C-alpha atoms as a PDB file:
ATOM      1  CA  GLN A   1       1.520 -18.965  17.073  1.00  0.00           C
ATOM      2  CA  VAL A   2       1.264 -19.666  13.140  1.00  0.00           C
ATOM      3  CA  GLN A   3       0.796 -16.050  11.484  1.00  0.00           C
ATOM      4  CA  LEU A   4      -0.713 -15.793   7.936  1.00  0.00           C
ATOM      5  CA  VAL A   5       0.315 -12.801   5.784  1.00  0.00           C
ATOM      6  CA  GLU A   6      -1.936 -11.917   3.004  1.00  0.00           C
ATOM      7  CA  SER A   7      -0.603  -9.502   0.577  1.00  0.00           C
ATOM      8  CA  GLY A   8      -1.206  -8.167  -3.387  1.00  0.00           C
ATOM      9  CA  GLY A   9      -4.716  -5.796  -2.517  1.00  0.00           C
ATOM     10  CA  GLY A  10      -5.540  -2.999  -4.062  1.00  0.00           C
ATOM     11  CA  LEU A  11      -7.615  -1.062  -6.260  1.00  0.00           C
ATOM     12  CA  VAL A  12      -8.335  -2.020 -10.374  1.00  0.00           C
ATOM     13  CA  GLN A  13     -10.969  -1.402 -12.685  1.00  0.00           C
ATOM     14  CA  PRO A  14     -13.540  -3.804 -13.561  1.00  0.00           C
ATOM     15  CA  VAL A  15     -12.021  -6.303 -16.014  1.00  0.00           C
ATOM     16  CA  GLY A  16      -8.832  -5.624 -14.359  1.00  0.00           C
ATOM     17  CA  SER A  17      -6.765  -8.268 -12.421  1.00  0.00           C
ATOM     18  CA  LEU A  18      -4.635  -9.200  -9.344  1.00  0.00           C
ATOM     19  CA  ARG A  19      -2.602 -11.514  -8.077  1.00  0.00           C
ATOM     20  CA  LEU A  20      -2.902 -12.264  -3.964  1.00  0.00           C
ATOM     21  CA  SER A  21      -0.235 -13.988  -1.828  1.00  0.00           C
ATOM     22  CA  CYS A  22      -0.294 -15.538   0.856  1.00  0.00           C
ATOM     23  CA  THR A  23       2.778 -16.526   3.051  1.00  0.00           C
ATOM     24  CA  THR A  24       3.486 -18.320   6.494  1.00  0.00           C
ATOM     25  CA  SER A  25       6.468 -19.796   8.380  1.00  0.00           C
ATOM     26  CA  THR A  26       4.860 -22.376   9.553  1.00  0.00           C
ATOM     27  CA  THR A  27       5.503 -26.112   8.070  1.00  0.00           C
ATOM     28  CA  LEU A  28       2.190 -27.262   8.854  1.00  0.00           C
ATOM     29  CA  PHE A  29       1.775 -25.522   5.355  1.00  0.00           C
ATOM     30  CA  ILE A  30       2.669 -28.379   3.541  1.00  0.00           C
ATOM     31  CA  PHE A  31       0.507 -30.865   4.660  1.00  0.00           C
ATOM     32  CA  ALA A  32      -2.889 -28.919   4.743  1.00  0.00           C
ATOM     33  CA  ASP A  33      -5.443 -27.935   2.803  1.00  0.00           C
ATOM     34  CA  THR A  34      -5.225 -24.222   2.371  1.00  0.00           C
ATOM     35  CA  ALA A  35      -8.102 -21.695   1.481  1.00  0.00           C
ATOM     36  CA  TRP A  36      -8.884 -18.168   0.537  1.00  0.00           C
ATOM     37  CA  TYR A  37     -11.836 -16.712   1.751  1.00  0.00           C
ATOM     38  CA  ARG A  38     -13.201 -13.222   1.264  1.00  0.00           C
ATOM     39  CA  GLN A  39     -15.727 -10.444   3.771  1.00  0.00           C
ATOM     40  CA  ALA A  40     -17.391  -7.555   2.357  1.00  0.00           C
ATOM     41  CA  PRO A  41     -18.813  -4.613   4.021  1.00  0.00           C
ATOM     42  CA  GLY A  42     -21.498  -5.948   6.356  1.00  0.00           C
ATOM     43  CA  LYS A  43     -21.812  -9.637   4.953  1.00  0.00           C
ATOM     44  CA  GLN A  44     -20.130 -12.393   6.687  1.00  0.00           C
ATOM     45  CA  ARG A  45     -16.739 -13.959   5.023  1.00  0.00           C
ATOM     46  CA  GLU A  46     -16.988 -16.559   2.597  1.00  0.00           C
ATOM     47  CA  LEU A  47     -15.062 -19.159   1.129  1.00  0.00           C
ATOM     48  CA  VAL A  48     -13.360 -18.179  -2.598  1.00  0.00           C
ATOM     49  CA  ALA A  49     -11.786 -21.499  -2.855  1.00  0.00           C
ATOM     50  CA  LYS A  50      -9.368 -24.156  -1.765  1.00  0.00           C
ATOM     51  CA  ILE A  51      -6.355 -26.291  -2.524  1.00  0.00           C
ATOM     52  CA  ASN A  52      -5.115 -29.726  -0.836  1.00  0.00           C
ATOM     53  CA  SER A  53      -1.765 -30.701  -0.762  1.00  0.00           C
ATOM     54  CA  GLY A  54      -2.088 -32.898  -3.503  1.00  0.00           C
ATOM     55  CA  ARG A  55      -2.932 -29.235  -5.661  1.00  0.00           C
ATOM     56  CA  ALA A  56      -6.226 -30.150  -6.256  1.00  0.00           C
ATOM     57  CA  THR A  57      -8.849 -26.911  -5.965  1.00  0.00           C
ATOM     58  CA  ASN A  58     -12.194 -26.164  -5.860  1.00  0.00           C
ATOM     59  CA  TYR A  59     -13.954 -23.093  -6.507  1.00  0.00           C
ATOM     60  CA  ALA A  60     -17.121 -20.807  -4.917  1.00  0.00           C
ATOM     61  CA  ASN A  61     -18.937 -20.791  -8.209  1.00  0.00           C
ATOM     62  CA  PHE A  62     -19.441 -17.055  -7.892  1.00  0.00           C
ATOM     63  CA  VAL A  63     -15.008 -16.983  -9.030  1.00  0.00           C
ATOM     64  CA  LYS A  64     -15.237 -20.180 -11.302  1.00  0.00           C
ATOM     65  CA  GLY A  65     -13.345 -19.307 -14.329  1.00  0.00           C
ATOM     66  CA  ARG A  66     -12.462 -16.272 -13.037  1.00  0.00           C
ATOM     67  CA  PHE A  67      -9.926 -17.203 -10.204  1.00  0.00           C
ATOM     68  CA  THR A  68      -7.165 -19.277  -9.988  1.00  0.00           C
ATOM     69  CA  ILE A  69      -5.865 -20.825  -6.740  1.00  0.00           C
ATOM     70  CA  SER A  70      -2.301 -22.393  -6.302  1.00  0.00           C
ATOM     71  CA  ARG A  71       0.414 -23.072  -3.657  1.00  0.00           C
ATOM     72  CA  ASP A  72       4.335 -23.550  -3.758  1.00  0.00           C
ATOM     73  CA  ASN A  73       4.985 -25.526  -0.957  1.00  0.00           C
ATOM     74  CA  ALA A  74       9.479 -24.611  -0.843  1.00  0.00           C
ATOM     75  CA  LYS A  75       7.618 -21.086   0.022  1.00  0.00           C
ATOM     76  CA  LYS A  76       4.831 -22.024   1.915  1.00  0.00           C
ATOM     77  CA  SER A  77       2.748 -19.750   0.126  1.00  0.00           C
ATOM     78  CA  ALA A  78      -0.477 -19.419  -1.471  1.00  0.00           C
ATOM     79  CA  TYR A  79      -1.892 -17.127  -4.397  1.00  0.00           C
ATOM     80  CA  LEU A  80      -4.956 -16.456  -5.885  1.00  0.00           C
ATOM     81  CA  GLN A  81      -4.949 -15.032  -9.422  1.00  0.00           C
ATOM     82  CA  MET A  82      -8.184 -13.077  -9.612  1.00  0.00           C
ATOM     83  CA  GLY A  83      -9.468 -12.087 -13.245  1.00  0.00           C
ATOM     84  CA  SER A  84     -12.493 -10.769 -15.056  1.00  0.00           C
ATOM     85  CA  LEU A  85     -12.755  -8.412 -11.220  1.00  0.00           C
ATOM     86  CA  GLU A  86     -16.310  -6.916 -10.668  1.00  0.00           C
ATOM     87  CA  PRO A  87     -17.318  -4.365  -8.525  1.00  0.00           C
ATOM     88  CA  GLU A  88     -18.968  -6.995  -6.728  1.00  0.00           C
ATOM     89  CA  ASP A  89     -15.231  -8.856  -5.625  1.00  0.00           C
ATOM     90  CA  THR A  90     -14.570  -6.139  -3.471  1.00  0.00           C
ATOM     91  CA  ALA A  91     -13.989  -7.064  -0.174  1.00  0.00           C
ATOM     92  CA  VAL A  92     -10.834  -7.866   2.453  1.00  0.00           C
ATOM     93  CA  TYR A  93      -9.236 -11.419   1.491  1.00  0.00           C
ATOM     94  CA  TYR A  94      -7.942 -14.065   3.940  1.00  0.00           C
ATOM     95  CA  CYS A  95      -6.269 -16.881   3.692  1.00  0.00           C
ATOM     96  CA  ASN A  96      -6.593 -19.776   5.929  1.00  0.00           C
ATOM     97  CA  LEU A  97      -4.919 -23.434   6.796  1.00  0.00           C
ATOM     98  CA  LEU A  98      -7.739 -25.913   6.829  1.00  0.00           C
ATOM     99  CA  SER A  99      -8.494 -28.610   9.686  1.00  0.00           C
ATOM    100  CA  PRO A 100      -8.790 -32.396   8.280  1.00  0.00           C
ATOM    101  CA  SER A 101     -12.706 -31.171   8.887  1.00  0.00           C
ATOM    102  CA  GLY A 102     -12.635 -28.615   6.088  1.00  0.00           C
ATOM    103  CA  SER A 103     -12.500 -25.432   9.092  1.00  0.00           C
ATOM    104  CA  PRO A 104     -10.076 -22.171   9.654  1.00  0.00           C
ATOM    105  CA  GLN A 105      -7.779 -23.548  11.925  1.00  0.00           C
ATOM    106  CA  VAL A 106      -5.394 -20.312  12.702  1.00  0.00           C
ATOM    107  CA  ASP A 107      -5.753 -17.233  13.177  1.00  0.00           C
ATOM    108  CA  TRP A 108      -6.647 -14.740  10.770  1.00  0.00           C
ATOM    109  CA  GLY A 109      -4.401 -12.831   9.633  1.00  0.00           C
ATOM    110  CA  GLN A 110      -4.738  -8.771   8.396  1.00  0.00           C
ATOM    111  CA  GLY A 111      -6.179 -10.173   4.917  1.00  0.00           C
ATOM    112  CA  THR A 112      -5.566  -7.880   1.791  1.00  0.00           C
ATOM    113  CA  GLN A 113      -8.291  -5.322   0.397  1.00  0.00           C
ATOM    114  CA  VAL A 114      -9.423  -5.685  -2.771  1.00  0.00           C
ATOM    115  CA  THR A 115     -11.422  -2.681  -4.348  1.00  0.00           C
ATOM    116  CA  VAL A 116     -12.808  -3.103  -7.968  1.00  0.00           C
ATOM    117  CA  SER A 117     -14.164   0.326  -9.283  1.00  0.00           C
ATOM    118  CA  SER A 118     -14.060   2.549 -12.226  1.00  0.00           C
END
């Protein structure tokens, strides 16, 4: 069973930064697009950013210019560098591997909590 392990979350003040990591053991990672999602309390999970195997990236409008997604195929890891954080960024952040149709294709991990508060 494919497992995804997210880490790097925490409590940060507004305009601060965090770097999230996502690691897996599956070689599927090397070939699949990878995405970060987030889910705030009482809201649906939403796509934050994605990166394909060629490292082309795509971002949700609400994080453009503030967040950067990257990947390291040798480490089977993806990262989300978050800057200029706002209280509205408070959520549990998850990663997933995407199917060719663009849908998450593995079981969700436990996520990592990001709380932006003064």
